[in-house]
Amino acid sequence: MLLPSANDAALVISENYQGEEQFFVKAMNEKAKALELNDTHYADPAGLIDEGDYTTPFDMARLASFAVQNKTLKKIVGTKEKIIWDKVAF
């Protein structure tokens, strides 16, 4: 989901989170609060509802500082090139 930056993947994950997208978004906002991202709010899982999604540079930097502690995420965002294939046979 991160490498091709696919909003559709974020939506699919959220739709299958305890059955409904709204619960996923609620969990996102709860996690933001737990990380003390006090000026961040999510209105949808993919950032497509601009009037309800907001954050600040400070909160983004704080989130990044937590993210780089995750070895898997660190490897993904450090990927410079990746060939992504679909299931269609050539």
N, C-alpha and C. Protein backbone atom coordinates (compact mmCIF):
# COMPACT_ATOMS: atom_id res chain seq x y z
N MET A 1 0.82 -1.19 0.00
CA MET A 1 0.00 0.00 0.00
C MET A 1 0.86 1.25 0.00
N LEU A 2 2.00 1.23 0.68
CA LEU A 2 2.82 2.44 0.77
C LEU A 2 3.63 2.71 -0.48
N LEU A 3 4.17 1.69 -1.09
CA LEU A 3 5.04 1.93 -2.24
C LEU A 3 4.30 2.50 -3.44
N PRO A 4 3.18 1.93 -3.85
CA PRO A 4 2.48 2.55 -4.97
C PRO A 4 1.56 3.70 -4.55
N SER A 5 1.50 3.96 -3.24
CA SER A 5 0.65 5.03 -2.69
C SER A 5 -0.79 4.86 -3.15
N ALA A 6 -1.35 3.72 -2.86
CA ALA A 6 -2.68 3.37 -3.33
C ALA A 6 -3.76 3.68 -2.30
N ASN A 7 -4.54 4.72 -2.58
CA ASN A 7 -5.66 5.04 -1.71
C ASN A 7 -6.68 3.91 -1.68
N ASP A 8 -6.81 3.20 -2.81
CA ASP A 8 -7.78 2.11 -2.87
C ASP A 8 -7.41 1.01 -1.87
N ALA A 9 -6.13 0.76 -1.66
CA ALA A 9 -5.71 -0.24 -0.69
C ALA A 9 -6.08 0.20 0.73
N ALA A 10 -5.90 1.47 1.04
CA ALA A 10 -6.27 1.99 2.35
C ALA A 10 -7.77 1.83 2.58
N LEU A 11 -8.55 2.07 1.56
CA LEU A 11 -10.00 1.93 1.68
C LEU A 11 -10.40 0.47 1.90
N VAL A 12 -9.78 -0.45 1.19
CA VAL A 12 -10.10 -1.87 1.35
C VAL A 12 -9.75 -2.34 2.76
N ILE A 13 -8.59 -1.95 3.25
CA ILE A 13 -8.20 -2.32 4.60
C ILE A 13 -9.20 -1.79 5.61
N SER A 14 -9.58 -0.54 5.46
CA SER A 14 -10.52 0.07 6.41
C SER A 14 -11.90 -0.57 6.35
N GLU A 15 -12.35 -0.95 5.18
CA GLU A 15 -13.67 -1.58 5.03
C GLU A 15 -13.72 -2.95 5.69
N ASN A 16 -12.57 -3.57 5.86
CA ASN A 16 -12.52 -4.89 6.47
C ASN A 16 -12.07 -4.86 7.93
N TYR A 17 -11.89 -3.68 8.48
CA TYR A 17 -11.49 -3.51 9.88
C TYR A 17 -12.74 -3.58 10.74
N GLN A 18 -12.90 -4.64 11.46
CA GLN A 18 -14.08 -4.85 12.32
C GLN A 18 -15.37 -4.52 11.58
N GLY A 19 -15.33 -4.75 10.28
CA GLY A 19 -16.55 -4.64 9.49
C GLY A 19 -16.90 -3.31 8.89
N GLU A 20 -16.37 -2.21 9.40
CA GLU A 20 -16.79 -0.92 8.86
C GLU A 20 -15.67 0.11 8.86
N GLU A 21 -15.68 0.94 7.85
CA GLU A 21 -14.69 2.00 7.69
C GLU A 21 -14.69 2.97 8.86
N GLN A 22 -15.86 3.28 9.38
CA GLN A 22 -15.95 4.27 10.46
C GLN A 22 -15.19 3.84 11.71
N PHE A 23 -15.13 2.54 11.98
CA PHE A 23 -14.38 2.05 13.14
C PHE A 23 -12.88 2.18 12.92
N PHE A 24 -12.45 2.00 11.68
CA PHE A 24 -11.04 2.18 11.34
C PHE A 24 -10.62 3.63 11.53
N VAL A 25 -11.43 4.55 11.05
CA VAL A 25 -11.15 5.98 11.18
C VAL A 25 -11.14 6.37 12.66
N LYS A 26 -12.06 5.83 13.42
CA LYS A 26 -12.09 6.09 14.86
C LYS A 26 -10.79 5.61 15.51
N ALA A 27 -10.33 4.42 15.13
CA ALA A 27 -9.07 3.89 15.66
C ALA A 27 -7.88 4.76 15.24
N MET A 28 -7.91 5.28 14.03
CA MET A 28 -6.85 6.18 13.57
C MET A 28 -6.78 7.42 14.46
N ASN A 29 -7.95 8.00 14.76
CA ASN A 29 -7.99 9.20 15.59
C ASN A 29 -7.59 8.89 17.03
N GLU A 30 -7.95 7.72 17.53
CA GLU A 30 -7.54 7.32 18.87
C GLU A 30 -6.02 7.14 18.95
N LYS A 31 -5.43 6.57 17.90
CA LYS A 31 -3.97 6.40 17.85
C LYS A 31 -3.29 7.76 17.78
N ALA A 32 -3.84 8.67 17.00
CA ALA A 32 -3.29 10.02 16.92
C ALA A 32 -3.29 10.68 18.30
N LYS A 33 -4.37 10.51 19.02
CA LYS A 33 -4.47 11.08 20.37
C LYS A 33 -3.44 10.43 21.30
N ALA A 34 -3.29 9.11 21.22
CA ALA A 34 -2.34 8.39 22.06
C ALA A 34 -0.90 8.83 21.78
N LEU A 35 -0.62 9.19 20.53
CA LEU A 35 0.72 9.67 20.14
C LEU A 35 0.88 11.17 20.39
N GLU A 36 -0.14 11.76 20.98
CA GLU A 36 -0.15 13.20 21.27
C GLU A 36 -0.03 14.05 20.01
N LEU A 37 -0.70 13.61 18.97
CA LEU A 37 -0.81 14.40 17.74
C LEU A 37 -2.05 15.27 17.93
N ASN A 38 -1.90 16.32 18.71
CA ASN A 38 -3.03 17.10 19.19
C ASN A 38 -3.70 17.96 18.14
N ASP A 39 -3.05 18.18 17.03
CA ASP A 39 -3.63 19.00 15.96
C ASP A 39 -3.82 18.19 14.69
N THR A 40 -4.18 16.91 14.88
CA THR A 40 -4.41 16.00 13.76
C THR A 40 -5.78 15.36 13.91
N HIS A 41 -6.50 15.27 12.80
CA HIS A 41 -7.79 14.59 12.78
C HIS A 41 -7.97 13.92 11.43
N TYR A 42 -8.48 12.70 11.46
CA TYR A 42 -8.75 11.95 10.24
C TYR A 42 -10.25 11.84 10.04
N ALA A 43 -10.72 12.11 8.81
CA ALA A 43 -12.13 11.98 8.48
C ALA A 43 -12.39 10.73 7.64
N ASP A 44 -11.34 10.21 7.03
CA ASP A 44 -11.46 9.01 6.22
C ASP A 44 -10.09 8.32 6.19
N PRO A 45 -10.03 7.06 5.78
CA PRO A 45 -8.77 6.32 5.84
C PRO A 45 -7.72 6.72 4.82
N ALA A 46 -8.11 7.40 3.76
CA ALA A 46 -7.16 7.68 2.68
C ALA A 46 -6.84 9.16 2.49
N GLY A 47 -7.40 10.02 3.31
CA GLY A 47 -7.13 11.44 3.19
C GLY A 47 -7.82 12.10 2.02
N LEU A 48 -8.94 11.55 1.60
CA LEU A 48 -9.65 12.09 0.43
C LEU A 48 -10.72 13.12 0.79
N ILE A 49 -11.14 13.16 2.04
CA ILE A 49 -12.14 14.15 2.47
C ILE A 49 -11.38 15.31 3.09
N ASP A 50 -10.98 16.24 2.26
CA ASP A 50 -10.08 17.30 2.70
C ASP A 50 -10.64 18.18 3.80
N GLU A 51 -11.93 18.45 3.80
CA GLU A 51 -12.48 19.36 4.80
C GLU A 51 -12.50 18.75 6.21
N GLY A 52 -12.33 17.44 6.33
CA GLY A 52 -12.33 16.82 7.66
C GLY A 52 -10.98 16.32 8.11
N ASP A 53 -10.01 16.28 7.21
CA ASP A 53 -8.67 15.81 7.53
C ASP A 53 -7.76 17.02 7.75
N TYR A 54 -7.04 17.02 8.85
CA TYR A 54 -6.07 18.09 9.06
C TYR A 54 -4.95 17.63 9.97
N THR A 55 -3.82 18.30 9.85
CA THR A 55 -2.66 18.06 10.70
C THR A 55 -1.78 19.29 10.66
N THR A 56 -0.67 19.23 11.36
CA THR A 56 0.30 20.33 11.37
C THR A 56 1.68 19.75 11.05
N PRO A 57 2.60 20.60 10.64
CA PRO A 57 3.97 20.12 10.43
C PRO A 57 4.56 19.50 11.71
N PHE A 58 4.26 20.09 12.85
CA PHE A 58 4.76 19.55 14.12
C PHE A 58 4.25 18.12 14.34
N ASP A 59 2.94 17.91 14.13
CA ASP A 59 2.38 16.57 14.31
C ASP A 59 2.96 15.58 13.30
N MET A 60 3.18 16.03 12.06
CA MET A 60 3.76 15.14 11.05
C MET A 60 5.19 14.74 11.45
N ALA A 61 5.95 15.69 11.97
CA ALA A 61 7.32 15.38 12.42
C ALA A 61 7.28 14.43 13.60
N ARG A 62 6.34 14.63 14.51
CA ARG A 62 6.21 13.74 15.66
C ARG A 62 5.85 12.34 15.19
N LEU A 63 4.90 12.24 14.26
CA LEU A 63 4.50 10.94 13.72
C LEU A 63 5.68 10.26 13.03
N ALA A 64 6.44 11.02 12.27
CA ALA A 64 7.62 10.46 11.59
C ALA A 64 8.63 9.92 12.59
N SER A 65 8.78 10.61 13.72
CA SER A 65 9.75 10.14 14.72
C SER A 65 9.33 8.80 15.31
N PHE A 66 8.03 8.56 15.42
CA PHE A 66 7.55 7.25 15.86
C PHE A 66 7.70 6.22 14.74
N ALA A 67 7.40 6.63 13.53
CA ALA A 67 7.41 5.71 12.39
C ALA A 67 8.79 5.13 12.13
N VAL A 68 9.84 5.93 12.24
CA VAL A 68 11.18 5.44 11.93
C VAL A 68 11.69 4.44 12.98
N GLN A 69 10.99 4.30 14.07
CA GLN A 69 11.34 3.30 15.07
C GLN A 69 10.86 1.91 14.66
N ASN A 70 9.95 1.84 13.69
CA ASN A 70 9.41 0.58 13.20
C ASN A 70 10.31 0.10 12.06
N LYS A 71 11.00 -1.04 12.27
CA LYS A 71 11.98 -1.53 11.30
C LYS A 71 11.35 -1.83 9.94
N THR A 72 10.16 -2.41 9.93
CA THR A 72 9.50 -2.73 8.67
C THR A 72 9.13 -1.47 7.90
N LEU A 73 8.54 -0.53 8.58
CA LEU A 73 8.16 0.73 7.94
C LEU A 73 9.39 1.49 7.46
N LYS A 74 10.44 1.47 8.25
CA LYS A 74 11.69 2.13 7.88
C LYS A 74 12.24 1.54 6.58
N LYS A 75 12.17 0.21 6.44
CA LYS A 75 12.64 -0.43 5.22
C LYS A 75 11.77 -0.03 4.02
N ILE A 76 10.47 0.01 4.22
CA ILE A 76 9.55 0.36 3.12
C ILE A 76 9.79 1.77 2.63
N VAL A 77 9.84 2.73 3.55
CA VAL A 77 10.00 4.12 3.11
C VAL A 77 11.42 4.40 2.61
N GLY A 78 12.36 3.52 2.92
CA GLY A 78 13.71 3.66 2.41
C GLY A 78 13.92 3.00 1.05
N THR A 79 12.87 2.35 0.54
CA THR A 79 12.97 1.69 -0.76
C THR A 79 13.05 2.74 -1.86
N LYS A 80 14.09 2.67 -2.67
CA LYS A 80 14.28 3.65 -3.74
C LYS A 80 13.64 3.22 -5.05
N GLU A 81 13.54 1.91 -5.24
CA GLU A 81 12.98 1.41 -6.49
C GLU A 81 12.37 0.05 -6.22
N LYS A 82 11.21 -0.19 -6.81
CA LYS A 82 10.54 -1.49 -6.65
C LYS A 82 9.65 -1.72 -7.87
N ILE A 83 9.75 -2.89 -8.44
CA ILE A 83 8.87 -3.26 -9.54
C ILE A 83 7.66 -3.96 -8.93
N ILE A 84 6.50 -3.46 -9.24
CA ILE A 84 5.25 -4.00 -8.70
C ILE A 84 4.45 -4.59 -9.85
N TRP A 85 4.15 -5.87 -9.77
CA TRP A 85 3.43 -6.57 -10.82
C TRP A 85 2.01 -6.85 -10.36
N ASP A 86 1.09 -6.85 -11.30
CA ASP A 86 -0.25 -7.31 -10.97
C ASP A 86 -0.32 -8.80 -11.31
N LYS A 87 -1.47 -9.39 -11.18
CA LYS A 87 -1.61 -10.84 -11.39
C LYS A 87 -1.81 -11.22 -12.85
N VAL A 88 -1.82 -10.28 -13.73
CA VAL A 88 -2.01 -10.56 -15.15
C VAL A 88 -0.75 -11.19 -15.70
N ALA A 89 -0.92 -12.32 -16.36
CA ALA A 89 0.23 -13.03 -16.96
C ALA A 89 0.58 -12.37 -18.30
N PHE A 90 1.85 -12.18 -18.55
CA PHE A 90 2.29 -11.58 -19.81
C PHE A 90 2.78 -12.63 -20.75
